[in-house]
mmCIF file of all heavy atoms, coordinates in Angstrom:
data_MODEL
# 
_entry.id   MODEL 
# 
loop_
_atom_site.group_PDB 
_atom_site.id 
_atom_site.type_symbol 
_atom_site.label_atom_id 
_atom_site.label_alt_id 
_atom_site.label_comp_id 
_atom_site.label_asym_id 
_atom_site.label_entity_id 
_atom_site.label_seq_id 
_atom_site.pdbx_PDB_ins_code 
_atom_site.Cartn_x 
_atom_site.Cartn_y 
_atom_site.Cartn_z 
_atom_site.occupancy 
_atom_site.B_iso_or_equiv 
_atom_site.pdbx_formal_charge 
_atom_site.auth_seq_id 
_atom_site.auth_comp_id 
_atom_site.auth_asym_id 
_atom_site.auth_atom_id 
_atom_site.pdbx_PDB_model_num 
ATOM 1   N N   . ARG A 1 1  ? 19.314 49.193 36.922 1.00 0.00 ? 1  ARG A N   1 
ATOM 2   C CA  . ARG A 1 1  ? 18.961 47.859 37.376 1.00 0.00 ? 1  ARG A CA  1 
ATOM 3   C C   . ARG A 1 1  ? 18.238 47.894 38.716 1.00 0.00 ? 1  ARG A C   1 
ATOM 4   O O   . ARG A 1 1  ? 17.999 46.840 39.296 1.00 0.00 ? 1  ARG A O   1 
ATOM 5   C CB  . ARG A 1 1  ? 20.228 46.994 37.515 1.00 0.00 ? 1  ARG A CB  1 
ATOM 6   C CG  . ARG A 1 1  ? 20.978 46.789 36.202 1.00 0.00 ? 1  ARG A CG  1 
ATOM 7   C CD  . ARG A 1 1  ? 21.734 45.457 36.214 1.00 0.00 ? 1  ARG A CD  1 
ATOM 8   N NE  . ARG A 1 1  ? 22.595 45.312 37.388 1.00 0.00 ? 1  ARG A NE  1 
ATOM 9   C CZ  . ARG A 1 1  ? 23.908 45.486 37.337 1.00 0.00 ? 1  ARG A CZ  1 
ATOM 10  N NH1 . ARG A 1 1  ? 24.530 45.872 36.224 1.00 0.00 ? 1  ARG A NH1 1 
ATOM 11  N NH2 . ARG A 1 1  ? 24.637 45.298 38.427 1.00 0.00 ? 1  ARG A NH2 1 
ATOM 12  N N   . ILE A 1 2  ? 17.936 49.073 39.224 1.00 0.00 ? 2  ILE A N   1 
ATOM 13  C CA  . ILE A 1 2  ? 17.358 49.160 40.544 1.00 0.00 ? 2  ILE A CA  1 
ATOM 14  C C   . ILE A 1 2  ? 16.055 48.413 40.700 1.00 0.00 ? 2  ILE A C   1 
ATOM 15  O O   . ILE A 1 2  ? 15.799 47.719 41.677 1.00 0.00 ? 2  ILE A O   1 
ATOM 16  C CB  . ILE A 1 2  ? 17.182 50.663 40.951 1.00 0.00 ? 2  ILE A CB  1 
ATOM 17  C CG1 . ILE A 1 2  ? 18.522 51.258 41.300 1.00 0.00 ? 2  ILE A CG1 1 
ATOM 18  C CG2 . ILE A 1 2  ? 16.237 50.795 42.176 1.00 0.00 ? 2  ILE A CG2 1 
ATOM 19  C CD1 . ILE A 1 2  ? 18.506 52.719 41.579 1.00 0.00 ? 2  ILE A CD1 1 
ATOM 20  N N   . GLU A 1 3  ? 15.182 48.554 39.684 1.00 0.00 ? 3  GLU A N   1 
ATOM 21  C CA  . GLU A 1 3  ? 13.866 47.912 39.775 1.00 0.00 ? 3  GLU A CA  1 
ATOM 22  C C   . GLU A 1 3  ? 14.020 46.386 39.802 1.00 0.00 ? 3  GLU A C   1 
ATOM 23  O O   . GLU A 1 3  ? 13.251 45.678 40.452 1.00 0.00 ? 3  GLU A O   1 
ATOM 24  C CB  . GLU A 1 3  ? 12.985 48.335 38.608 1.00 0.00 ? 3  GLU A CB  1 
ATOM 25  C CG  . GLU A 1 3  ? 12.589 49.806 38.698 1.00 0.00 ? 3  GLU A CG  1 
ATOM 26  C CD  . GLU A 1 3  ? 11.667 50.191 37.563 1.00 0.00 ? 3  GLU A CD  1 
ATOM 27  O OE1 . GLU A 1 3  ? 11.323 49.295 36.752 1.00 0.00 ? 3  GLU A OE1 1 
ATOM 28  O OE2 . GLU A 1 3  ? 11.254 51.352 37.498 1.00 0.00 ? 3  GLU A OE2 1 
ATOM 29  N N   . GLN A 1 4  ? 15.017 45.869 39.109 1.00 0.00 ? 4  GLN A N   1 
ATOM 30  C CA  . GLN A 1 4  ? 15.229 44.411 39.092 1.00 0.00 ? 4  GLN A CA  1 
ATOM 31  C C   . GLN A 1 4  ? 15.953 43.941 40.343 1.00 0.00 ? 4  GLN A C   1 
ATOM 32  O O   . GLN A 1 4  ? 15.783 42.799 40.754 1.00 0.00 ? 4  GLN A O   1 
ATOM 33  C CB  . GLN A 1 4  ? 16.020 44.006 37.849 1.00 0.00 ? 4  GLN A CB  1 
ATOM 34  C CG  . GLN A 1 4  ? 15.295 44.167 36.517 1.00 0.00 ? 4  GLN A CG  1 
ATOM 35  C CD  . GLN A 1 4  ? 15.191 45.583 36.048 1.00 0.00 ? 4  GLN A CD  1 
ATOM 36  O OE1 . GLN A 1 4  ? 16.053 46.387 36.402 1.00 0.00 ? 4  GLN A OE1 1 
ATOM 37  N NE2 . GLN A 1 4  ? 14.180 45.944 35.287 1.00 0.00 ? 4  GLN A NE2 1 
ATOM 38  N N   . GLU A 1 5  ? 16.782 44.813 40.904 1.00 0.00 ? 5  GLU A N   1 
ATOM 39  C CA  . GLU A 1 5  ? 17.564 44.437 42.095 1.00 0.00 ? 5  GLU A CA  1 
ATOM 40  C C   . GLU A 1 5  ? 17.329 45.464 43.190 1.00 0.00 ? 5  GLU A C   1 
ATOM 41  O O   . GLU A 1 5  ? 18.110 46.438 43.267 1.00 0.00 ? 5  GLU A O   1 
ATOM 42  C CB  . GLU A 1 5  ? 19.049 44.351 41.753 1.00 0.00 ? 5  GLU A CB  1 
ATOM 43  C CG  . GLU A 1 5  ? 19.364 43.321 40.623 1.00 0.00 ? 5  GLU A CG  1 
ATOM 44  C CD  . GLU A 1 5  ? 20.828 43.392 40.239 1.00 0.00 ? 5  GLU A CD  1 
ATOM 45  O OE1 . GLU A 1 5  ? 21.654 43.904 41.029 1.00 0.00 ? 5  GLU A OE1 1 
ATOM 46  O OE2 . GLU A 1 5  ? 21.134 42.924 39.131 1.00 0.00 ? 5  GLU A OE2 1 
ATOM 47  N N   . PRO A 1 6  ? 16.306 45.329 43.996 1.00 0.00 ? 6  PRO A N   1 
ATOM 48  C CA  . PRO A 1 6  ? 15.963 46.316 45.034 1.00 0.00 ? 6  PRO A CA  1 
ATOM 49  C C   . PRO A 1 6  ? 17.123 46.614 45.952 1.00 0.00 ? 6  PRO A C   1 
ATOM 50  O O   . PRO A 1 6  ? 17.194 47.734 46.508 1.00 0.00 ? 6  PRO A O   1 
ATOM 51  C CB  . PRO A 1 6  ? 14.815 45.675 45.773 1.00 0.00 ? 6  PRO A CB  1 
ATOM 52  C CG  . PRO A 1 6  ? 14.209 44.710 44.787 1.00 0.00 ? 6  PRO A CG  1 
ATOM 53  C CD  . PRO A 1 6  ? 15.348 44.219 43.950 1.00 0.00 ? 6  PRO A CD  1 
ATOM 54  N N   . LEU A 1 7  ? 18.039 45.692 46.146 1.00 0.00 ? 7  LEU A N   1 
ATOM 55  C CA  . LEU A 1 7  ? 19.163 45.921 47.061 1.00 0.00 ? 7  LEU A CA  1 
ATOM 56  C C   . LEU A 1 7  ? 19.992 47.109 46.587 1.00 0.00 ? 7  LEU A C   1 
ATOM 57  O O   . LEU A 1 7  ? 20.619 47.816 47.375 1.00 0.00 ? 7  LEU A O   1 
ATOM 58  C CB  . LEU A 1 7  ? 20.033 44.674 47.146 1.00 0.00 ? 7  LEU A CB  1 
ATOM 59  C CG  . LEU A 1 7  ? 21.187 44.675 48.184 1.00 0.00 ? 7  LEU A CG  1 
ATOM 60  C CD1 . LEU A 1 7  ? 20.603 44.843 49.574 1.00 0.00 ? 7  LEU A CD1 1 
ATOM 61  C CD2 . LEU A 1 7  ? 21.993 43.394 48.096 1.00 0.00 ? 7  LEU A CD2 1 
ATOM 62  N N   . ASN A 1 8  ? 19.988 47.346 45.261 1.00 0.00 ? 8  ASN A N   1 
ATOM 63  C CA  . ASN A 1 8  ? 20.760 48.460 44.728 1.00 0.00 ? 8  ASN A CA  1 
ATOM 64  C C   . ASN A 1 8  ? 20.254 49.810 45.230 1.00 0.00 ? 8  ASN A C   1 
ATOM 65  O O   . ASN A 1 8  ? 20.953 50.839 45.061 1.00 0.00 ? 8  ASN A O   1 
ATOM 66  C CB  . ASN A 1 8  ? 20.729 48.433 43.182 1.00 0.00 ? 8  ASN A CB  1 
ATOM 67  C CG  . ASN A 1 8  ? 21.835 47.603 42.624 1.00 0.00 ? 8  ASN A CG  1 
ATOM 68  O OD1 . ASN A 1 8  ? 22.820 47.331 43.269 1.00 0.00 ? 8  ASN A OD1 1 
ATOM 69  N ND2 . ASN A 1 8  ? 21.621 47.130 41.393 1.00 0.00 ? 8  ASN A ND2 1 
ATOM 70  N N   . MET A 1 9  ? 19.019 49.860 45.755 1.00 0.00 ? 9  MET A N   1 
ATOM 71  C CA  . MET A 1 9  ? 18.537 51.113 46.333 1.00 0.00 ? 9  MET A CA  1 
ATOM 72  C C   . MET A 1 9  ? 19.473 51.677 47.381 1.00 0.00 ? 9  MET A C   1 
ATOM 73  O O   . MET A 1 9  ? 19.583 52.881 47.553 1.00 0.00 ? 9  MET A O   1 
ATOM 74  C CB  . MET A 1 9  ? 17.137 50.884 46.948 1.00 0.00 ? 9  MET A CB  1 
ATOM 75  C CG  . MET A 1 9  ? 15.992 50.923 45.967 1.00 0.00 ? 9  MET A CG  1 
ATOM 76  S SD  . MET A 1 9  ? 15.823 52.498 45.109 1.00 0.00 ? 9  MET A SD  1 
ATOM 77  C CE  . MET A 1 9  ? 15.432 53.601 46.460 1.00 0.00 ? 9  MET A CE  1 
ATOM 78  N N   . LEU A 1 10 ? 20.171 50.756 48.081 1.00 0.00 ? 10 LEU A N   1 
ATOM 79  C CA  . LEU A 1 10 ? 21.122 51.209 49.092 1.00 0.00 ? 10 LEU A CA  1 
ATOM 80  C C   . LEU A 1 10 ? 22.285 51.942 48.479 1.00 0.00 ? 10 LEU A C   1 
ATOM 81  O O   . LEU A 1 10 ? 23.017 52.718 49.148 1.00 0.00 ? 10 LEU A O   1 
ATOM 82  C CB  . LEU A 1 10 ? 21.678 49.991 49.866 1.00 0.00 ? 10 LEU A CB  1 
ATOM 83  C CG  . LEU A 1 10 ? 20.611 49.185 50.695 1.00 0.00 ? 10 LEU A CG  1 
ATOM 84  C CD1 . LEU A 1 10 ? 21.258 47.939 51.239 1.00 0.00 ? 10 LEU A CD1 1 
ATOM 85  C CD2 . LEU A 1 10 ? 20.042 50.083 51.794 1.00 0.00 ? 10 LEU A CD2 1 
ATOM 86  N N   . LEU A 1 11 ? 22.533 51.745 47.168 1.00 0.00 ? 11 LEU A N   1 
ATOM 87  C CA  . LEU A 1 11 ? 23.650 52.407 46.484 1.00 0.00 ? 11 LEU A CA  1 
ATOM 88  C C   . LEU A 1 11 ? 23.298 53.806 45.985 1.00 0.00 ? 11 LEU A C   1 
ATOM 89  O O   . LEU A 1 11 ? 24.200 54.581 45.654 1.00 0.00 ? 11 LEU A O   1 
ATOM 90  C CB  . LEU A 1 11 ? 24.086 51.574 45.297 1.00 0.00 ? 11 LEU A CB  1 
ATOM 91  C CG  . LEU A 1 11 ? 24.957 50.322 45.589 1.00 0.00 ? 11 LEU A CG  1 
ATOM 92  C CD1 . LEU A 1 11 ? 25.193 49.556 44.306 1.00 0.00 ? 11 LEU A CD1 1 
ATOM 93  C CD2 . LEU A 1 11 ? 26.288 50.722 46.224 1.00 0.00 ? 11 LEU A CD2 1 
ATOM 94  N N   . ILE A 1 12 ? 22.005 54.095 45.895 1.00 0.00 ? 12 ILE A N   1 
ATOM 95  C CA  . ILE A 1 12 ? 21.602 55.352 45.311 1.00 0.00 ? 12 ILE A CA  1 
ATOM 96  C C   . ILE A 1 12 ? 22.298 56.586 45.925 1.00 0.00 ? 12 ILE A C   1 
ATOM 97  O O   . ILE A 1 12 ? 22.834 57.417 45.200 1.00 0.00 ? 12 ILE A O   1 
ATOM 98  C CB  . ILE A 1 12 ? 20.048 55.522 45.353 1.00 0.00 ? 12 ILE A CB  1 
ATOM 99  C CG1 . ILE A 1 12 ? 19.394 54.629 44.343 1.00 0.00 ? 12 ILE A CG1 1 
ATOM 100 C CG2 . ILE A 1 12 ? 19.647 56.966 45.106 1.00 0.00 ? 12 ILE A CG2 1 
ATOM 101 C CD1 . ILE A 1 12 ? 19.678 54.997 42.908 1.00 0.00 ? 12 ILE A CD1 1 
ATOM 102 N N   . PRO A 1 13 ? 22.326 56.726 47.274 1.00 0.00 ? 13 PRO A N   1 
ATOM 103 C CA  . PRO A 1 13 ? 23.011 57.906 47.818 1.00 0.00 ? 13 PRO A CA  1 
ATOM 104 C C   . PRO A 1 13 ? 24.480 58.003 47.398 1.00 0.00 ? 13 PRO A C   1 
ATOM 105 O O   . PRO A 1 13 ? 24.964 59.076 47.089 1.00 0.00 ? 13 PRO A O   1 
ATOM 106 C CB  . PRO A 1 13 ? 22.854 57.672 49.342 1.00 0.00 ? 13 PRO A CB  1 
ATOM 107 C CG  . PRO A 1 13 ? 21.694 56.798 49.492 1.00 0.00 ? 13 PRO A CG  1 
ATOM 108 C CD  . PRO A 1 13 ? 21.693 55.894 48.321 1.00 0.00 ? 13 PRO A CD  1 
ATOM 109 N N   . ASN A 1 14 ? 25.159 56.850 47.377 1.00 0.00 ? 14 ASN A N   1 
ATOM 110 C CA  . ASN A 1 14 ? 26.582 56.888 47.009 1.00 0.00 ? 14 ASN A CA  1 
ATOM 111 C C   . ASN A 1 14 ? 26.803 57.131 45.531 1.00 0.00 ? 14 ASN A C   1 
ATOM 112 O O   . ASN A 1 14 ? 27.762 57.793 45.127 1.00 0.00 ? 14 ASN A O   1 
ATOM 113 C CB  . ASN A 1 14 ? 27.260 55.568 47.416 1.00 0.00 ? 14 ASN A CB  1 
ATOM 114 C CG  . ASN A 1 14 ? 27.345 55.438 48.927 1.00 0.00 ? 14 ASN A CG  1 
ATOM 115 O OD1 . ASN A 1 14 ? 26.443 54.916 49.546 1.00 0.00 ? 14 ASN A OD1 1 
ATOM 116 N ND2 . ASN A 1 14 ? 28.427 55.915 49.514 1.00 0.00 ? 14 ASN A ND2 1 
ATOM 117 N N   . ILE A 1 15 ? 25.877 56.593 44.727 1.00 0.00 ? 15 ILE A N   1 
ATOM 118 C CA  . ILE A 1 15 ? 25.973 56.883 43.287 1.00 0.00 ? 15 ILE A CA  1 
ATOM 119 C C   . ILE A 1 15 ? 25.764 58.370 43.010 1.00 0.00 ? 15 ILE A C   1 
ATOM 120 O O   . ILE A 1 15 ? 26.512 58.995 42.221 1.00 0.00 ? 15 ILE A O   1 
ATOM 121 C CB  . ILE A 1 15 ? 24.919 56.028 42.494 1.00 0.00 ? 15 ILE A CB  1 
ATOM 122 C CG1 . ILE A 1 15 ? 25.337 54.539 42.548 1.00 0.00 ? 15 ILE A CG1 1 
ATOM 123 C CG2 . ILE A 1 15 ? 24.833 56.476 41.042 1.00 0.00 ? 15 ILE A CG2 1 
ATOM 124 C CD1 . ILE A 1 15 ? 24.318 53.608 41.931 1.00 0.00 ? 15 ILE A CD1 1 
ATOM 125 N N   . MET A 1 16 ? 24.776 58.933 43.702 1.00 0.00 ? 16 MET A N   1 
ATOM 126 C CA  . MET A 1 16 ? 24.535 60.380 43.541 1.00 0.00 ? 16 MET A CA  1 
ATOM 127 C C   . MET A 1 16 ? 25.737 61.173 44.004 1.00 0.00 ? 16 MET A C   1 
ATOM 128 O O   . MET A 1 16 ? 26.136 62.160 43.356 1.00 0.00 ? 16 MET A O   1 
ATOM 129 C CB  . MET A 1 16 ? 23.263 60.773 44.331 1.00 0.00 ? 16 MET A CB  1 
ATOM 130 C CG  . MET A 1 16 ? 21.981 60.341 43.652 1.00 0.00 ? 16 MET A CG  1 
ATOM 131 S SD  . MET A 1 16 ? 20.539 61.159 44.362 1.00 0.00 ? 16 MET A SD  1 
ATOM 132 C CE  . MET A 1 16 ? 20.577 60.543 46.040 1.00 0.00 ? 16 MET A CE  1 
ATOM 133 N N   . LYS A 1 17 ? 26.289 60.778 45.135 1.00 0.00 ? 17 LYS A N   1 
ATOM 134 C CA  . LYS A 1 17 ? 27.478 61.508 45.652 1.00 0.00 ? 17 LYS A CA  1 
ATOM 135 C C   . LYS A 1 17 ? 28.618 61.383 44.668 1.00 0.00 ? 17 LYS A C   1 
ATOM 136 O O   . LYS A 1 17 ? 29.330 62.401 44.416 1.00 0.00 ? 17 LYS A O   1 
ATOM 137 C CB  . LYS A 1 17 ? 27.843 60.888 47.001 1.00 0.00 ? 17 LYS A CB  1 
ATOM 138 C CG  . LYS A 1 17 ? 28.876 61.693 47.779 1.00 0.00 ? 17 LYS A CG  1 
ATOM 139 C CD  . LYS A 1 17 ? 29.289 60.992 49.056 1.00 0.00 ? 17 LYS A CD  1 
ATOM 140 C CE  . LYS A 1 17 ? 28.121 60.852 50.012 1.00 0.00 ? 17 LYS A CE  1 
ATOM 141 N NZ  . LYS A 1 17 ? 28.549 60.243 51.298 1.00 0.00 ? 17 LYS A NZ  1 
ATOM 142 N N   . PHE A 1 18 ? 28.821 60.216 44.106 1.00 0.00 ? 18 PHE A N   1 
ATOM 143 C CA  . PHE A 1 18 ? 29.917 59.984 43.139 1.00 0.00 ? 18 PHE A CA  1 
ATOM 144 C C   . PHE A 1 18 ? 29.771 60.937 41.939 1.00 0.00 ? 18 PHE A C   1 
ATOM 145 O O   . PHE A 1 18 ? 30.685 61.653 41.571 1.00 0.00 ? 18 PHE A O   1 
ATOM 146 C CB  . PHE A 1 18 ? 29.888 58.522 42.696 1.00 0.00 ? 18 PHE A CB  1 
ATOM 147 C CG  . PHE A 1 18 ? 30.914 58.186 41.641 1.00 0.00 ? 18 PHE A CG  1 
ATOM 148 C CD1 . PHE A 1 18 ? 32.216 57.863 41.986 1.00 0.00 ? 18 PHE A CD1 1 
ATOM 149 C CD2 . PHE A 1 18 ? 30.564 58.184 40.276 1.00 0.00 ? 18 PHE A CD2 1 
ATOM 150 C CE1 . PHE A 1 18 ? 33.148 57.540 41.016 1.00 0.00 ? 18 PHE A CE1 1 
ATOM 151 C CE2 . PHE A 1 18 ? 31.490 57.889 39.308 1.00 0.00 ? 18 PHE A CE2 1 
ATOM 152 C CZ  . PHE A 1 18 ? 32.797 57.556 39.691 1.00 0.00 ? 18 PHE A CZ  1 
ATOM 153 N N   . PHE A 1 19 ? 28.575 60.892 41.328 1.00 0.00 ? 19 PHE A N   1 
ATOM 154 C CA  . PHE A 1 19 ? 28.368 61.716 40.134 1.00 0.00 ? 19 PHE A CA  1 
ATOM 155 C C   . PHE A 1 19 ? 28.315 63.185 40.480 1.00 0.00 ? 19 PHE A C   1 
ATOM 156 O O   . PHE A 1 19 ? 28.711 64.039 39.681 1.00 0.00 ? 19 PHE A O   1 
ATOM 157 C CB  . PHE A 1 19 ? 27.103 61.297 39.412 1.00 0.00 ? 19 PHE A CB  1 
ATOM 158 C CG  . PHE A 1 19 ? 27.299 60.082 38.527 1.00 0.00 ? 19 PHE A CG  1 
ATOM 159 C CD1 . PHE A 1 19 ? 27.100 58.790 38.976 1.00 0.00 ? 19 PHE A CD1 1 
ATOM 160 C CD2 . PHE A 1 19 ? 27.733 60.255 37.211 1.00 0.00 ? 19 PHE A CD2 1 
ATOM 161 C CE1 . PHE A 1 19 ? 27.323 57.690 38.175 1.00 0.00 ? 19 PHE A CE1 1 
ATOM 162 C CE2 . PHE A 1 19 ? 27.943 59.158 36.390 1.00 0.00 ? 19 PHE A CE2 1 
ATOM 163 C CZ  . PHE A 1 19 ? 27.729 57.868 36.900 1.00 0.00 ? 19 PHE A CZ  1 
ATOM 164 N N   . GLY A 1 20 ? 27.820 63.518 41.668 1.00 0.00 ? 20 GLY A N   1 
ATOM 165 C CA  . GLY A 1 20 ? 27.731 64.912 42.079 1.00 0.00 ? 20 GLY A CA  1 
ATOM 166 C C   . GLY A 1 20 ? 29.117 65.522 42.256 1.00 0.00 ? 20 GLY A C   1 
ATOM 167 O O   . GLY A 1 20 ? 29.390 66.640 41.800 1.00 0.00 ? 20 GLY A O   1 
ATOM 168 N N   . LYS A 1 21 ? 30.043 64.774 42.931 1.00 0.00 ? 21 LYS A N   1 
ATOM 169 C CA  . LYS A 1 21 ? 31.387 65.311 43.174 1.00 0.00 ? 21 LYS A CA  1 
ATOM 170 C C   . LYS A 1 21 ? 32.112 65.466 41.840 1.00 0.00 ? 21 LYS A C   1 
ATOM 171 O O   . LYS A 1 21 ? 32.854 66.459 41.655 1.00 0.00 ? 21 LYS A O   1 
ATOM 172 C CB  . LYS A 1 21 ? 32.147 64.370 44.088 1.00 0.00 ? 21 LYS A CB  1 
ATOM 173 C CG  . LYS A 1 21 ? 31.674 64.463 45.543 1.00 0.00 ? 21 LYS A CG  1 
ATOM 174 C CD  . LYS A 1 21 ? 32.519 63.611 46.458 1.00 0.00 ? 21 LYS A CD  1 
ATOM 175 C CE  . LYS A 1 21 ? 32.075 63.771 47.913 1.00 0.00 ? 21 LYS A CE  1 
ATOM 176 N NZ  . LYS A 1 21 ? 32.888 62.917 48.814 1.00 0.00 ? 21 LYS A NZ  1 
ATOM 177 N N   . ILE A 1 22 ? 31.918 64.528 40.934 1.00 0.00 ? 22 ILE A N   1 
ATOM 178 C CA  . ILE A 1 22 ? 32.560 64.667 39.647 1.00 0.00 ? 22 ILE A CA  1 
ATOM 179 C C   . ILE A 1 22 ? 31.896 65.790 38.822 1.00 0.00 ? 22 ILE A C   1 
ATOM 180 O O   . ILE A 1 22 ? 32.546 66.517 38.109 1.00 0.00 ? 22 ILE A O   1 
ATOM 181 C CB  . ILE A 1 22 ? 32.511 63.314 38.859 1.00 0.00 ? 22 ILE A CB  1 
ATOM 182 C CG1 . ILE A 1 22 ? 33.438 62.328 39.589 1.00 0.00 ? 22 ILE A CG1 1 
ATOM 183 C CG2 . ILE A 1 22 ? 32.933 63.491 37.422 1.00 0.00 ? 22 ILE A CG2 1 
ATOM 184 C CD1 . ILE A 1 22 ? 33.373 60.902 39.112 1.00 0.00 ? 22 ILE A CD1 1 
ATOM 185 N N   . GLY A 1 23 ? 30.573 65.929 39.014 1.00 0.00 ? 23 GLY A N   1 
ATOM 186 C CA  . GLY A 1 23 ? 29.864 66.974 38.316 1.00 0.00 ? 23 GLY A CA  1 
ATOM 187 C C   . GLY A 1 23 ? 30.307 68.362 38.728 1.00 0.00 ? 23 GLY A C   1 
ATOM 188 O O   . GLY A 1 23 ? 30.245 69.329 37.954 1.00 0.00 ? 23 GLY A O   1 
ATOM 189 N N   . ALA A 1 24 ? 30.783 68.491 39.968 1.00 0.00 ? 24 ALA A N   1 
ATOM 190 C CA  . ALA A 1 24 ? 31.313 69.789 40.404 1.00 0.00 ? 24 ALA A CA  1 
ATOM 191 C C   . ALA A 1 24 ? 32.580 70.194 39.668 1.00 0.00 ? 24 ALA A C   1 
ATOM 192 O O   . ALA A 1 24 ? 32.871 71.363 39.482 1.00 0.00 ? 24 ALA A O   1 
ATOM 193 C CB  . ALA A 1 24 ? 31.566 69.765 41.925 1.00 0.00 ? 24 ALA A CB  1 
ATOM 194 N N   . ILE A 1 25 ? 33.309 69.161 39.223 1.00 0.00 ? 25 ILE A N   1 
ATOM 195 C CA  . ILE A 1 25 ? 34.555 69.394 38.480 1.00 0.00 ? 25 ILE A CA  1 
ATOM 196 C C   . ILE A 1 25 ? 34.306 69.387 36.980 1.00 0.00 ? 25 ILE A C   1 
ATOM 197 O O   . ILE A 1 25 ? 34.834 70.257 36.249 1.00 0.00 ? 25 ILE A O   1 
ATOM 198 C CB  . ILE A 1 25 ? 35.599 68.276 38.823 1.00 0.00 ? 25 ILE A CB  1 
ATOM 199 C CG1 . ILE A 1 25 ? 35.767 68.152 40.325 1.00 0.00 ? 25 ILE A CG1 1 
ATOM 200 C CG2 . ILE A 1 25 ? 36.926 68.540 38.138 1.00 0.00 ? 25 ILE A CG2 1 
ATOM 201 C CD1 . ILE A 1 25 ? 36.404 66.855 40.759 1.00 0.00 ? 25 ILE A CD1 1 
ATOM 202 N N   . GLN A 1 26 ? 33.507 68.471 36.521 1.00 0.00 ? 26 GLN A N   1 
ATOM 203 C CA  . GLN A 1 26 ? 33.227 68.296 35.080 1.00 0.00 ? 26 GLN A CA  1 
ATOM 204 C C   . GLN A 1 26 ? 31.691 68.199 34.879 1.00 0.00 ? 26 GLN A C   1 
ATOM 205 O O   . GLN A 1 26 ? 31.172 67.138 34.547 1.00 0.00 ? 26 GLN A O   1 
ATOM 206 C CB  . GLN A 1 26 ? 33.872 67.003 34.580 1.00 0.00 ? 26 GLN A CB  1 
ATOM 207 C CG  . GLN A 1 26 ? 35.385 66.920 34.788 1.00 0.00 ? 26 GLN A CG  1 
ATOM 208 C CD  . GLN A 1 26 ? 36.142 67.534 33.630 1.00 0.00 ? 26 GLN A CD  1 
ATOM 209 O OE1 . GLN A 1 26 ? 35.549 68.039 32.665 1.00 0.00 ? 26 GLN A OE1 1 
ATOM 210 N NE2 . GLN A 1 26 ? 37.454 67.546 33.685 1.00 0.00 ? 26 GLN A NE2 1 
ATOM 211 N N   . PRO A 1 27 ? 30.978 69.337 35.030 1.00 0.00 ? 27 PRO A N   1 
ATOM 212 C CA  . PRO A 1 27 ? 29.487 69.253 34.924 1.00 0.00 ? 27 PRO A CA  1 
ATOM 213 C C   . PRO A 1 27 ? 29.022 68.768 33.569 1.00 0.00 ? 27 PRO A C   1 
ATOM 214 O O   . PRO A 1 27 ? 28.026 68.012 33.484 1.00 0.00 ? 27 PRO A O   1 
ATOM 215 C CB  . PRO A 1 27 ? 29.048 70.693 35.183 1.00 0.00 ? 27 PRO A CB  1 
ATOM 216 C CG  . PRO A 1 27 ? 30.277 71.554 34.929 1.00 0.00 ? 27 PRO A CG  1 
ATOM 217 C CD  . PRO A 1 27 ? 31.440 70.695 35.331 1.00 0.00 ? 27 PRO A CD  1 
# 
């Protein structure tokens, strides 16, 4: 939904961090 809601761009780093940390455990 980023393109429709530009404010969500602020969430990108945290979303990446969230999936990255879980990816280290469950790639």
